[in-house]
């Protein structure tokens, strides 16, 4: 069968962005689709099997389009574009721009980078309570923070409340020095980092002093009614059943709530059931509450993080299957007796 060829006209600056350092991005595309991509005086020539050439042509067009809209071409979005093209997903990278949220303090656009993130953002727009579930690096907290800040700036809510359980990650730190704020700050640092990146330190400090932005441990939520606020509960896998119920019953009129967590990274003491796991079971059929399950495909950190998350997912699934098989064998043996 004769090779099929398509040509794409690209300017020099866009060519450099598209090909990547030492042509790393275009080599990735060539290896994945078995095509040849050659730069000839501002014209990109794609040669190979017809179906794959058409996929690569569309993929390159989408990468160029998002680049012109301000999104930097990186290894992560190249890898994701390749994955979507190979799986024949109808939603391309261009559709992510439809759900633009806001800009960071450095003027970088914040928008979904994966289909899972896109569904998550839309769920936050359409529902009063959203559970964002998934592994590290999937943007659960960052996107929720961007949505909260945007709602605050648009006067859709009068304040932002950010909270998380103050539980140490598998190690005992002992008594921390300083006043109460100094003691709880280490636990809340990831929330501060996201706020600084999106809002800027100066704007954050001003609104914090006015009481319009509150960052506090979950224990401080008891007894309160939270009206007209955008409330984010982070690291919810480390809540107890009682804490989760307490938090969800604090919600007042005009408020929106996002609960984020990763059930594979619990720091609760042995034998303690996670409030997040229980809430998923209890509230799964309640109207007005959405559950978004992000996976390793939605990881937007360094590509190696995606591989690490996938490796752990495979390992944990294998362990779960082995445990189920052992239980099945025990049950069969017990019946025979």
C-alpha atoms as a PDB file:
ATOM      1  CA  UNK A   1       0.000   0.000   0.000  1.00  0.00           C
ATOM      2  CA  UNK A   2       1.394   3.434  -0.988  1.00  0.00           C
ATOM      3  CA  UNK A   3       2.105   5.954   1.733  1.00  0.00           C
ATOM      4  CA  UNK A   4      -0.383   8.773   2.220  1.00  0.00           C
ATOM      5  CA  UNK A   5       0.893  12.362   2.654  1.00  0.00           C
ATOM      6  CA  UNK A   6      -0.591  15.538   4.124  1.00  0.00           C
ATOM      7  CA  UNK A   7       1.001  18.990   4.367  1.00  0.00           C
ATOM      8  CA  UNK A   8       0.634  21.539   7.161  1.00  0.00           C
ATOM      9  CA  UNK A   9       1.824  25.138   6.769  1.00  0.00           C
ATOM     10  CA  UNK A  10       3.409  26.423  10.025  1.00  0.00           C
ATOM     11  CA  UNK A  11       5.408  29.555  10.832  1.00  0.00           C
ATOM     12  CA  UNK A  12       8.906  29.259  12.307  1.00  0.00           C
ATOM     13  CA  UNK A  13       8.018  30.194  15.917  1.00  0.00           C
ATOM     14  CA  UNK A  14       5.090  27.768  16.064  1.00  0.00           C
ATOM     15  CA  UNK A  15       7.289  25.081  14.496  1.00  0.00           C
ATOM     16  CA  UNK A  16       9.756  25.339  17.377  1.00  0.00           C
ATOM     17  CA  UNK A  17       6.975  25.072  19.969  1.00  0.00           C
ATOM     18  CA  UNK A  18       5.380  22.147  18.180  1.00  0.00           C
ATOM     19  CA  UNK A  19       8.533  20.115  17.665  1.00  0.00           C
ATOM     20  CA  UNK A  20       9.882  20.708  21.195  1.00  0.00           C
ATOM     21  CA  UNK A  21      13.468  20.683  22.406  1.00  0.00           C
ATOM     22  CA  UNK A  22      15.567  18.435  20.159  1.00  0.00           C
ATOM     23  CA  UNK A  23      12.332  17.528  18.313  1.00  0.00           C
ATOM     24  CA  UNK A  24      11.230  15.505  21.370  1.00  0.00           C
ATOM     25  CA  UNK A  25       7.480  16.088  20.905  1.00  0.00           C
ATOM     26  CA  UNK A  26       7.383  15.255  17.212  1.00  0.00           C
ATOM     27  CA  UNK A  27       9.497  12.124  17.769  1.00  0.00           C
ATOM     28  CA  UNK A  28       6.915  10.985  20.315  1.00  0.00           C
ATOM     29  CA  UNK A  29       4.130  11.470  17.753  1.00  0.00           C
ATOM     30  CA  UNK A  30       6.104   9.608  15.063  1.00  0.00           C
ATOM     31  CA  UNK A  31       6.786   6.643  17.360  1.00  0.00           C
ATOM     32  CA  UNK A  32       3.180   6.370  18.551  1.00  0.00           C
ATOM     33  CA  UNK A  33       1.554   6.511  15.101  1.00  0.00           C
ATOM     34  CA  UNK A  34       4.277   5.042  12.884  1.00  0.00           C
ATOM     35  CA  UNK A  35       4.405   8.097  10.617  1.00  0.00           C
ATOM     36  CA  UNK A  36       7.155  10.371   9.356  1.00  0.00           C
ATOM     37  CA  UNK A  37       6.920  14.090  10.191  1.00  0.00           C
ATOM     38  CA  UNK A  38       9.429  16.283   8.335  1.00  0.00           C
ATOM     39  CA  UNK A  39       9.953  20.046   8.384  1.00  0.00           C
ATOM     40  CA  UNK A  40      10.584  21.455   4.914  1.00  0.00           C
ATOM     41  CA  UNK A  41      10.975  25.265   4.851  1.00  0.00           C
ATOM     42  CA  UNK A  42       7.933  26.093   6.970  1.00  0.00           C
ATOM     43  CA  UNK A  43       5.883  23.177   5.638  1.00  0.00           C
ATOM     44  CA  UNK A  44       5.334  20.058   7.747  1.00  0.00           C
ATOM     45  CA  UNK A  45       5.054  16.888   5.682  1.00  0.00           C
ATOM     46  CA  UNK A  46       3.273  13.938   7.340  1.00  0.00           C
ATOM     47  CA  UNK A  47       3.682  10.579   5.609  1.00  0.00           C
ATOM     48  CA  UNK A  48       2.425   7.121   6.517  1.00  0.00           C
ATOM     49  CA  UNK A  49      -0.715   4.991   6.691  1.00  0.00           C
ATOM     50  CA  UNK A  50      -3.746   7.116   5.734  1.00  0.00           C
ATOM     51  CA  UNK A  51      -5.743   6.794   8.958  1.00  0.00           C
ATOM     52  CA  UNK A  52      -2.732   7.590  11.157  1.00  0.00           C
ATOM     53  CA  UNK A  53      -1.642  10.513   8.963  1.00  0.00           C
ATOM     54  CA  UNK A  54      -5.103  12.078   9.330  1.00  0.00           C
ATOM     55  CA  UNK A  55      -4.989  11.588  13.111  1.00  0.00           C
ATOM     56  CA  UNK A  56      -1.555  13.203  13.350  1.00  0.00           C
ATOM     57  CA  UNK A  57      -2.646  16.089  11.104  1.00  0.00           C
ATOM     58  CA  UNK A  58      -5.609  16.822  13.397  1.00  0.00           C
ATOM     59  CA  UNK A  59      -3.451  16.369  16.503  1.00  0.00           C
ATOM     60  CA  UNK A  60      -0.854  18.881  15.281  1.00  0.00           C
ATOM     61  CA  UNK A  61      -3.565  21.365  14.310  1.00  0.00           C
ATOM     62  CA  UNK A  62      -5.056  21.161  17.812  1.00  0.00           C
ATOM     63  CA  UNK A  63      -1.686  21.660  19.506  1.00  0.00           C
ATOM     64  CA  UNK A  64      -1.043  24.714  17.342  1.00  0.00           C
ATOM     65  CA  UNK A  65      -4.505  26.112  18.073  1.00  0.00           C
ATOM     66  CA  UNK A  66      -4.171  25.830  21.865  1.00  0.00           C
ATOM     67  CA  UNK A  67      -0.714  27.394  21.572  1.00  0.00           C
ATOM     68  CA  UNK A  68      -2.155  30.477  19.824  1.00  0.00           C
ATOM     69  CA  UNK A  69      -4.715  30.779  22.662  1.00  0.00           C
ATOM     70  CA  UNK A  70      -1.989  31.062  25.302  1.00  0.00           C
ATOM     71  CA  UNK A  71      -1.528  27.466  26.442  1.00  0.00           C
ATOM     72  CA  UNK A  72       2.110  26.395  26.335  1.00  0.00           C
ATOM     73  CA  UNK A  73       2.802  23.137  24.488  1.00  0.00           C
ATOM     74  CA  UNK A  74       4.273  20.754  27.059  1.00  0.00           C
ATOM     75  CA  UNK A  75       5.049  17.053  27.286  1.00  0.00           C
ATOM     76  CA  UNK A  76       1.876  16.470  29.297  1.00  0.00           C
ATOM     77  CA  UNK A  77      -0.549  17.881  26.717  1.00  0.00           C
ATOM     78  CA  UNK A  78       1.357  16.229  23.855  1.00  0.00           C
ATOM     79  CA  UNK A  79       1.048  12.859  25.615  1.00  0.00           C
ATOM     80  CA  UNK A  80      -2.630  13.450  26.332  1.00  0.00           C
ATOM     81  CA  UNK A  81      -3.340  14.504  22.742  1.00  0.00           C
ATOM     82  CA  UNK A  82      -1.665  11.320  21.522  1.00  0.00           C
ATOM     83  CA  UNK A  83      -3.704   9.193  23.920  1.00  0.00           C
ATOM     84  CA  UNK A  84      -7.013  10.805  22.873  1.00  0.00           C
ATOM     85  CA  UNK A  85      -6.176  10.416  19.176  1.00  0.00           C
ATOM     86  CA  UNK A  86      -5.334   6.733  19.609  1.00  0.00           C
ATOM     87  CA  UNK A  87      -8.576   6.141  21.508  1.00  0.00           C
ATOM     88  CA  UNK A  88     -10.578   8.062  18.858  1.00  0.00           C
ATOM     89  CA  UNK A  89     -12.035  10.452  21.440  1.00  0.00           C
ATOM     90  CA  UNK A  90     -14.396  13.001  19.914  1.00  0.00           C
ATOM     91  CA  UNK A  91     -13.375  15.626  22.499  1.00  0.00           C
ATOM     92  CA  UNK A  92     -10.077  17.117  21.395  1.00  0.00           C
ATOM     93  CA  UNK A  93      -7.768  19.562  23.148  1.00  0.00           C
ATOM     94  CA  UNK A  94      -9.660  22.477  21.590  1.00  0.00           C
ATOM     95  CA  UNK A  95     -12.806  21.585  23.520  1.00  0.00           C
ATOM     96  CA  UNK A  96     -10.936  22.165  26.790  1.00  0.00           C
ATOM     97  CA  UNK A  97     -10.853  25.899  26.059  1.00  0.00           C
ATOM     98  CA  UNK A  98     -14.649  25.982  26.186  1.00  0.00           C
ATOM     99  CA  UNK A  99     -14.387  25.620  29.977  1.00  0.00           C
ATOM    100  CA  UNK A 100     -11.855  28.388  30.625  1.00  0.00           C
ATOM    101  CA  UNK A 101     -11.975  29.407  34.294  1.00  0.00           C
ATOM    102  CA  UNK A 102      -9.602  32.331  34.900  1.00  0.00           C
ATOM    103  CA  UNK A 103      -5.983  33.498  34.665  1.00  0.00           C
ATOM    104  CA  UNK A 104      -3.239  33.053  37.257  1.00  0.00           C
ATOM    105  CA  UNK A 105      -1.442  36.075  38.697  1.00  0.00           C
ATOM    106  CA  UNK A 106       1.197  35.546  35.966  1.00  0.00           C
ATOM    107  CA  UNK A 107      -1.580  35.656  33.309  1.00  0.00           C
ATOM    108  CA  UNK A 108      -1.519  31.929  32.474  1.00  0.00           C
ATOM    109  CA  UNK A 109      -4.969  30.578  31.528  1.00  0.00           C
ATOM    110  CA  UNK A 110      -6.536  28.026  33.854  1.00  0.00           C
ATOM    111  CA  UNK A 111      -8.731  25.510  32.078  1.00  0.00           C
ATOM    112  CA  UNK A 112      -9.233  21.738  32.025  1.00  0.00           C
ATOM    113  CA  UNK A 113      -6.420  19.777  30.408  1.00  0.00           C
ATOM    114  CA  UNK A 114      -8.173  16.407  30.242  1.00  0.00           C
ATOM    115  CA  UNK A 115     -11.690  15.088  29.615  1.00  0.00           C
ATOM    116  CA  UNK A 116     -11.964  14.071  33.278  1.00  0.00           C
ATOM    117  CA  UNK A 117     -11.051  17.585  34.397  1.00  0.00           C
ATOM    118  CA  UNK A 118     -13.551  19.029  31.931  1.00  0.00           C
ATOM    119  CA  UNK A 119     -16.370  16.955  33.466  1.00  0.00           C
ATOM    120  CA  UNK A 120     -15.183  17.997  36.938  1.00  0.00           C
ATOM    121  CA  UNK A 121     -15.296  21.727  36.094  1.00  0.00           C
ATOM    122  CA  UNK A 122     -18.759  21.404  34.541  1.00  0.00           C
ATOM    123  CA  UNK A 123     -19.989  19.501  37.598  1.00  0.00           C
ATOM    124  CA  UNK A 124     -18.782  22.348  39.841  1.00  0.00           C
ATOM    125  CA  UNK A 125     -20.693  24.839  37.675  1.00  0.00           C
ATOM    126  CA  UNK A 126     -23.916  22.825  37.677  1.00  0.00           C
ATOM    127  CA  UNK A 127     -24.162  21.362  41.200  1.00  0.00           C
ATOM    128  CA  UNK A 128     -24.312  22.642  44.760  1.00  0.00           C
ATOM    129  CA  UNK A 129     -22.041  19.901  46.124  1.00  0.00           C
ATOM    130  CA  UNK A 130     -19.307  18.144  44.149  1.00  0.00           C
ATOM    131  CA  UNK A 131     -16.975  15.347  45.236  1.00  0.00           C
ATOM    132  CA  UNK A 132     -13.705  15.363  43.280  1.00  0.00           C
ATOM    133  CA  UNK A 133     -12.150  11.933  43.713  1.00  0.00           C
ATOM    134  CA  UNK A 134      -8.860  10.756  42.276  1.00  0.00           C
ATOM    135  CA  UNK A 135      -5.106  10.338  42.657  1.00  0.00           C
ATOM    136  CA  UNK A 136      -2.476  13.004  43.244  1.00  0.00           C
ATOM    137  CA  UNK A 137      -1.762  15.406  40.408  1.00  0.00           C
ATOM    138  CA  UNK A 138      -5.198  15.375  38.787  1.00  0.00           C
ATOM    139  CA  UNK A 139      -5.918  19.033  39.639  1.00  0.00           C
ATOM    140  CA  UNK A 140      -8.716  18.369  42.127  1.00  0.00           C
ATOM    141  CA  UNK A 141      -7.784  21.118  44.573  1.00  0.00           C
ATOM    142  CA  UNK A 142      -6.294  23.586  42.092  1.00  0.00           C
ATOM    143  CA  UNK A 143      -9.329  23.623  39.790  1.00  0.00           C
ATOM    144  CA  UNK A 144     -11.690  23.884  42.768  1.00  0.00           C
ATOM    145  CA  UNK A 145      -9.644  26.821  44.049  1.00  0.00           C
ATOM    146  CA  UNK A 146      -9.798  28.518  40.630  1.00  0.00           C
ATOM    147  CA  UNK A 147     -13.578  28.074  40.536  1.00  0.00           C
ATOM    148  CA  UNK A 148     -13.903  29.485  44.064  1.00  0.00           C
ATOM    149  CA  UNK A 149     -11.781  32.561  43.327  1.00  0.00           C
ATOM    150  CA  UNK A 150     -13.672  33.204  40.078  1.00  0.00           C
ATOM    151  CA  UNK A 151     -17.033  32.976  41.873  1.00  0.00           C
ATOM    152  CA  UNK A 152     -15.712  35.343  44.564  1.00  0.00           C
ATOM    153  CA  UNK A 153     -14.450  37.909  42.041  1.00  0.00           C
ATOM    154  CA  UNK A 154     -17.780  37.736  40.153  1.00  0.00           C
ATOM    155  CA  UNK A 155     -19.692  38.381  43.419  1.00  0.00           C
ATOM    156  CA  UNK A 156     -21.454  35.033  43.159  1.00  0.00           C
ATOM    157  CA  UNK A 157     -20.365  34.347  46.758  1.00  0.00           C
ATOM    158  CA  UNK A 158     -19.265  36.746  49.487  1.00  0.00           C
ATOM    159  CA  UNK A 159     -16.410  34.663  50.889  1.00  0.00           C
ATOM    160  CA  UNK A 160     -14.190  31.626  50.380  1.00  0.00           C
ATOM    161  CA  UNK A 161     -13.708  29.023  53.103  1.00  0.00           C
ATOM    162  CA  UNK A 162     -10.936  26.461  52.717  1.00  0.00           C
ATOM    163  CA  UNK A 163     -10.517  23.634  55.172  1.00  0.00           C
ATOM    164  CA  UNK A 164      -8.830  20.278  55.628  1.00  0.00           C
ATOM    165  CA  UNK A 165      -8.332  17.837  58.502  1.00  0.00           C
ATOM    166  CA  UNK A 166      -5.092  18.488  60.404  1.00  0.00           C
ATOM    167  CA  UNK A 167      -3.669  14.980  60.216  1.00  0.00           C
ATOM    168  CA  UNK A 168       0.019  14.192  59.777  1.00  0.00           C
ATOM    169  CA  UNK A 169       0.953  12.166  56.708  1.00  0.00           C
ATOM    170  CA  UNK A 170       2.049   8.925  58.306  1.00  0.00           C
ATOM    171  CA  UNK A 171       4.528  10.455  60.750  1.00  0.00           C
ATOM    172  CA  UNK A 172       4.463  12.205  64.104  1.00  0.00           C
ATOM    173  CA  UNK A 173       5.802  15.749  64.095  1.00  0.00           C
ATOM    174  CA  UNK A 174       5.464  16.319  67.824  1.00  0.00           C
ATOM    175  CA  UNK A 175       4.448  19.654  69.311  1.00  0.00           C
ATOM    176  CA  UNK A 176       4.938  22.526  66.867  1.00  0.00           C
ATOM    177  CA  UNK A 177       6.216  25.916  68.105  1.00  0.00           C
ATOM    178  CA  UNK A 178       4.424  29.252  67.807  1.00  0.00           C
ATOM    179  CA  UNK A 179       0.855  30.488  68.111  1.00  0.00           C
ATOM    180  CA  UNK A 180      -2.215  28.632  66.860  1.00  0.00           C
ATOM    181  CA  UNK A 181      -1.890  29.934  63.284  1.00  0.00           C
ATOM    182  CA  UNK A 182       1.756  28.822  63.143  1.00  0.00           C
ATOM    183  CA  UNK A 183       0.790  25.356  64.351  1.00  0.00           C
ATOM    184  CA  UNK A 184      -1.878  24.784  61.695  1.00  0.00           C
ATOM    185  CA  UNK A 185      -0.123  26.482  58.751  1.00  0.00           C
ATOM    186  CA  UNK A 186       1.976  23.409  57.768  1.00  0.00           C
ATOM    187  CA  UNK A 187      -1.205  21.383  57.277  1.00  0.00           C
ATOM    188  CA  UNK A 188      -2.809  24.103  55.147  1.00  0.00           C
ATOM    189  CA  UNK A 189       0.258  25.032  53.064  1.00  0.00           C
ATOM    190  CA  UNK A 190      -1.023  23.353  49.830  1.00  0.00           C
ATOM    191  CA  UNK A 191      -4.112  25.588  49.978  1.00  0.00           C
ATOM    192  CA  UNK A 192      -2.008  28.714  50.462  1.00  0.00           C
ATOM    193  CA  UNK A 193       0.217  27.729  47.529  1.00  0.00           C
ATOM    194  CA  UNK A 194      -2.766  27.487  45.183  1.00  0.00           C
ATOM    195  CA  UNK A 195      -4.182  30.805  46.430  1.00  0.00           C
ATOM    196  CA  UNK A 196      -0.878  32.613  45.890  1.00  0.00           C
ATOM    197  CA  UNK A 197      -0.546  31.215  42.366  1.00  0.00           C
ATOM    198  CA  UNK A 198      -4.055  32.212  41.271  1.00  0.00           C
ATOM    199  CA  UNK A 199      -4.813  35.310  43.326  1.00  0.00           C
ATOM    200  CA  UNK A 200      -1.396  36.640  44.304  1.00  0.00           C
ATOM    201  CA  UNK A 201      -0.001  36.998  47.834  1.00  0.00           C
ATOM    202  CA  UNK A 202      -0.989  40.659  48.268  1.00  0.00           C
ATOM    203  CA  UNK A 203      -4.625  40.212  47.221  1.00  0.00           C
ATOM    204  CA  UNK A 204      -4.879  37.070  49.342  1.00  0.00           C
ATOM    205  CA  UNK A 205      -3.529  38.843  52.455  1.00  0.00           C
ATOM    206  CA  UNK A 206      -5.948  41.766  52.048  1.00  0.00           C
ATOM    207  CA  UNK A 207      -8.989  39.507  51.721  1.00  0.00           C
ATOM    208  CA  UNK A 208      -7.723  37.278  54.536  1.00  0.00           C
ATOM    209  CA  UNK A 209      -7.479  40.283  56.886  1.00  0.00           C
ATOM    210  CA  UNK A 210     -11.030  41.319  55.960  1.00  0.00           C
ATOM    211  CA  UNK A 211     -12.273  37.808  56.762  1.00  0.00           C
ATOM    212  CA  UNK A 212     -13.416  37.257  53.173  1.00  0.00           C
ATOM    213  CA  UNK A 213     -11.021  34.324  52.741  1.00  0.00           C
ATOM    214  CA  UNK A 214     -10.707  31.856  55.585  1.00  0.00           C
ATOM    215  CA  UNK A 215      -8.269  28.951  55.779  1.00  0.00           C
ATOM    216  CA  UNK A 216      -8.882  26.772  58.815  1.00  0.00           C
ATOM    217  CA  UNK A 217      -8.707  23.197  60.130  1.00  0.00           C
ATOM    218  CA  UNK A 218     -11.867  21.128  59.776  1.00  0.00           C
ATOM    219  CA  UNK A 219     -12.398  21.034  63.541  1.00  0.00           C
ATOM    220  CA  UNK A 220     -13.176  24.777  63.440  1.00  0.00           C
ATOM    221  CA  UNK A 221     -16.274  24.179  61.303  1.00  0.00           C
ATOM    222  CA  UNK A 222     -18.351  22.649  64.121  1.00  0.00           C
ATOM    223  CA  UNK A 223     -21.340  24.703  65.196  1.00  0.00           C
ATOM    224  CA  UNK A 224     -21.208  27.097  62.239  1.00  0.00           C
ATOM    225  CA  UNK A 225     -23.656  27.796  59.417  1.00  0.00           C
ATOM    226  CA  UNK A 226     -21.852  28.743  56.221  1.00  0.00           C
ATOM    227  CA  UNK A 227     -24.072  30.969  54.040  1.00  0.00           C
ATOM    228  CA  UNK A 228     -23.191  32.536  50.669  1.00  0.00           C
ATOM    229  CA  UNK A 229     -19.724  30.961  50.611  1.00  0.00           C
ATOM    230  CA  UNK A 230     -17.605  28.808  48.316  1.00  0.00           C
ATOM    231  CA  UNK A 231     -16.369  26.033  50.595  1.00  0.00           C
ATOM    232  CA  UNK A 232     -13.605  23.574  49.736  1.00  0.00           C
ATOM    233  CA  UNK A 233     -12.803  20.559  51.911  1.00  0.00           C
ATOM    234  CA  UNK A 234      -9.404  19.208  50.876  1.00  0.00           C
ATOM    235  CA  UNK A 235      -7.841  15.823  51.772  1.00  0.00           C
ATOM    236  CA  UNK A 236     -11.297  14.520  52.673  1.00  0.00           C
ATOM    237  CA  UNK A 237     -10.053  10.914  52.789  1.00  0.00           C
ATOM    238  CA  UNK A 238      -8.614  11.819  56.212  1.00  0.00           C
ATOM    239  CA  UNK A 239     -11.968  12.779  57.721  1.00  0.00           C
ATOM    240  CA  UNK A 240     -13.829  10.469  60.076  1.00  0.00           C
ATOM    241  CA  UNK A 241     -17.487   9.613  59.499  1.00  0.00           C
ATOM    242  CA  UNK A 242     -18.525  12.110  62.194  1.00  0.00           C
ATOM    243  CA  UNK A 243     -16.351  14.891  60.753  1.00  0.00           C
ATOM    244  CA  UNK A 244     -17.741  14.450  57.236  1.00  0.00           C
ATOM    245  CA  UNK A 245     -21.334  14.484  58.467  1.00  0.00           C
ATOM    246  CA  UNK A 246     -20.582  17.575  60.582  1.00  0.00           C
ATOM    247  CA  UNK A 247     -19.027  19.368  57.600  1.00  0.00           C
ATOM    248  CA  UNK A 248     -21.811  18.586  55.122  1.00  0.00           C
ATOM    249  CA  UNK A 249     -24.462  19.800  57.579  1.00  0.00           C
ATOM    250  CA  UNK A 250     -22.751  23.225  57.933  1.00  0.00           C
ATOM    251  CA  UNK A 251     -23.828  24.291  54.430  1.00  0.00           C
ATOM    252  CA  UNK A 252     -26.155  27.286  54.322  1.00  0.00           C
ATOM    253  CA  UNK A 253     -28.087  29.167  51.615  1.00  0.00           C
ATOM    254  CA  UNK A 254     -26.242  30.436  48.555  1.00  0.00           C
ATOM    255  CA  UNK A 255     -23.196  28.270  49.161  1.00  0.00           C
ATOM    256  CA  UNK A 256     -21.292  25.870  46.941  1.00  0.00           C
ATOM    257  CA  UNK A 257     -19.154  23.017  48.240  1.00  0.00           C
ATOM    258  CA  UNK A 258     -16.336  21.013  46.699  1.00  0.00           C
ATOM    259  CA  UNK A 259     -14.954  17.991  48.548  1.00  0.00           C
ATOM    260  CA  UNK A 260     -11.671  16.603  47.239  1.00  0.00           C
ATOM    261  CA  UNK A 261      -9.857  13.445  48.234  1.00  0.00           C
ATOM    262  CA  UNK A 262      -7.843  10.398  47.250  1.00  0.00           C
ATOM    263  CA  UNK A 263      -8.995   7.198  48.955  1.00  0.00           C
ATOM    264  CA  UNK A 264      -5.663   5.529  48.229  1.00  0.00           C
ATOM    265  CA  UNK A 265      -3.769   7.973  50.491  1.00  0.00           C
ATOM    266  CA  UNK A 266      -5.412   7.774  53.912  1.00  0.00           C
ATOM    267  CA  UNK A 267      -3.528   8.790  57.061  1.00  0.00           C
ATOM    268  CA  UNK A 268      -6.227   7.711  59.512  1.00  0.00           C
ATOM    269  CA  UNK A 269      -5.376   5.334  62.344  1.00  0.00           C
ATOM    270  CA  UNK A 270      -5.928   1.631  61.705  1.00  0.00           C
ATOM    271  CA  UNK A 271      -9.556   0.566  61.920  1.00  0.00           C
ATOM    272  CA  UNK A 272     -10.966   4.078  61.382  1.00  0.00           C
ATOM    273  CA  UNK A 273     -13.369   4.328  58.449  1.00  0.00           C
ATOM    274  CA  UNK A 274     -12.856   7.259  56.126  1.00  0.00           C
ATOM    275  CA  UNK A 275     -15.679   9.791  56.082  1.00  0.00           C
ATOM    276  CA  UNK A 276     -15.103  10.204  52.342  1.00  0.00           C
ATOM    277  CA  UNK A 277     -15.642   6.495  51.627  1.00  0.00           C
ATOM    278  CA  UNK A 278     -18.826   6.467  53.686  1.00  0.00           C
ATOM    279  CA  UNK A 279     -20.152   9.662  52.059  1.00  0.00           C
ATOM    280  CA  UNK A 280     -19.678   8.200  48.568  1.00  0.00           C
ATOM    281  CA  UNK A 281     -21.838   5.211  49.540  1.00  0.00           C
ATOM    282  CA  UNK A 282     -24.490   7.175  51.444  1.00  0.00           C
ATOM    283  CA  UNK A 283     -24.922  10.152  49.087  1.00  0.00           C
ATOM    284  CA  UNK A 284     -24.420   8.577  45.659  1.00  0.00           C
ATOM    285  CA  UNK A 285     -28.121   8.860  44.752  1.00  0.00           C
ATOM    286  CA  UNK A 286     -28.892  12.263  46.287  1.00  0.00           C
ATOM    287  CA  UNK A 287     -29.947  14.915  43.751  1.00  0.00           C
ATOM    288  CA  UNK A 288     -27.772  18.015  43.621  1.00  0.00           C
ATOM    289  CA  UNK A 289     -24.614  16.117  44.560  1.00  0.00           C
ATOM    290  CA  UNK A 290     -22.159  15.119  41.819  1.00  0.00           C
ATOM    291  CA  UNK A 291     -19.279  12.640  42.045  1.00  0.00           C
ATOM    292  CA  UNK A 292     -16.358  13.026  39.629  1.00  0.00           C
ATOM    293  CA  UNK A 293     -13.842  10.190  39.485  1.00  0.00           C
ATOM    294  CA  UNK A 294     -10.507  11.268  38.047  1.00  0.00           C
ATOM    295  CA  UNK A 295      -7.907   8.648  37.096  1.00  0.00           C
ATOM    296  CA  UNK A 296      -4.233   8.339  36.177  1.00  0.00           C
ATOM    297  CA  UNK A 297      -5.188   9.604  32.690  1.00  0.00           C
ATOM    298  CA  UNK A 298      -6.044  12.972  34.272  1.00  0.00           C
ATOM    299  CA  UNK A 299      -2.687  13.498  36.000  1.00  0.00           C
ATOM    300  CA  UNK A 300      -1.256  16.830  34.833  1.00  0.00           C
ATOM    301  CA  UNK A 301       2.018  16.879  36.737  1.00  0.00           C
ATOM    302  CA  UNK A 302       5.311  15.558  35.372  1.00  0.00           C
ATOM    303  CA  UNK A 303       4.652  12.585  33.011  1.00  0.00           C
ATOM    304  CA  UNK A 304       6.558  10.332  35.418  1.00  0.00           C
ATOM    305  CA  UNK A 305       3.922  11.043  38.081  1.00  0.00           C
ATOM    306  CA  UNK A 306       1.276   9.656  35.718  1.00  0.00           C
ATOM    307  CA  UNK A 307       3.321   6.480  35.312  1.00  0.00           C
ATOM    308  CA  UNK A 308       3.779   6.174  39.083  1.00  0.00           C
ATOM    309  CA  UNK A 309       0.045   6.597  39.735  1.00  0.00           C
ATOM    310  CA  UNK A 310      -0.800   4.040  37.018  1.00  0.00           C
ATOM    311  CA  UNK A 311       1.729   1.545  38.441  1.00  0.00           C
ATOM    312  CA  UNK A 312       0.206   1.848  41.915  1.00  0.00           C
ATOM    313  CA  UNK A 313      -3.329   1.514  40.493  1.00  0.00           C
ATOM    314  CA  UNK A 314      -2.340  -1.700  38.706  1.00  0.00           C
ATOM    315  CA  UNK A 315      -0.622  -3.040  41.832  1.00  0.00           C
ATOM    316  CA  UNK A 316      -3.586  -2.256  44.107  1.00  0.00           C
ATOM    317  CA  UNK A 317      -6.066  -3.767  41.621  1.00  0.00           C
ATOM    318  CA  UNK A 318      -3.952  -6.923  41.466  1.00  0.00           C
ATOM    319  CA  UNK A 319      -3.826  -7.119  45.279  1.00  0.00           C
ATOM    320  CA  UNK A 320      -7.597  -6.668  45.431  1.00  0.00           C
ATOM    321  CA  UNK A 321      -8.180  -9.447  42.867  1.00  0.00           C
ATOM    322  CA  UNK A 322      -5.853 -11.790  44.761  1.00  0.00           C
ATOM    323  CA  UNK A 323      -7.702 -11.082  48.010  1.00  0.00           C
ATOM    324  CA  UNK A 324     -11.051 -11.758  46.333  1.00  0.00           C
ATOM    325  CA  UNK A 325      -9.774 -15.037  44.882  1.00  0.00           C
ATOM    326  CA  UNK A 326      -8.548 -16.159  48.311  1.00  0.00           C
ATOM    327  CA  UNK A 327     -11.915 -15.322  49.881  1.00  0.00           C
ATOM    328  CA  UNK A 328     -13.708 -17.250  47.123  1.00  0.00           C
ATOM    329  CA  UNK A 329     -11.483 -20.295  47.702  1.00  0.00           C
ATOM    330  CA  UNK A 330     -12.086 -20.136  51.474  1.00  0.00           C
ATOM    331  CA  UNK A 331     -15.843 -19.970  50.943  1.00  0.00           C
ATOM    332  CA  UNK A 332     -15.761 -22.976  48.617  1.00  0.00           C
ATOM    333  CA  UNK A 333     -13.682 -24.955  51.100  1.00  0.00           C
ATOM    334  CA  UNK A 334     -16.087 -24.045  53.903  1.00  0.00           C
ATOM    335  CA  UNK A 335     -19.092 -25.242  51.846  1.00  0.00           C
ATOM    336  CA  UNK A 336     -17.431 -28.588  51.099  1.00  0.00           C
ATOM    337  CA  UNK A 337     -16.866 -29.149  54.820  1.00  0.00           C
END
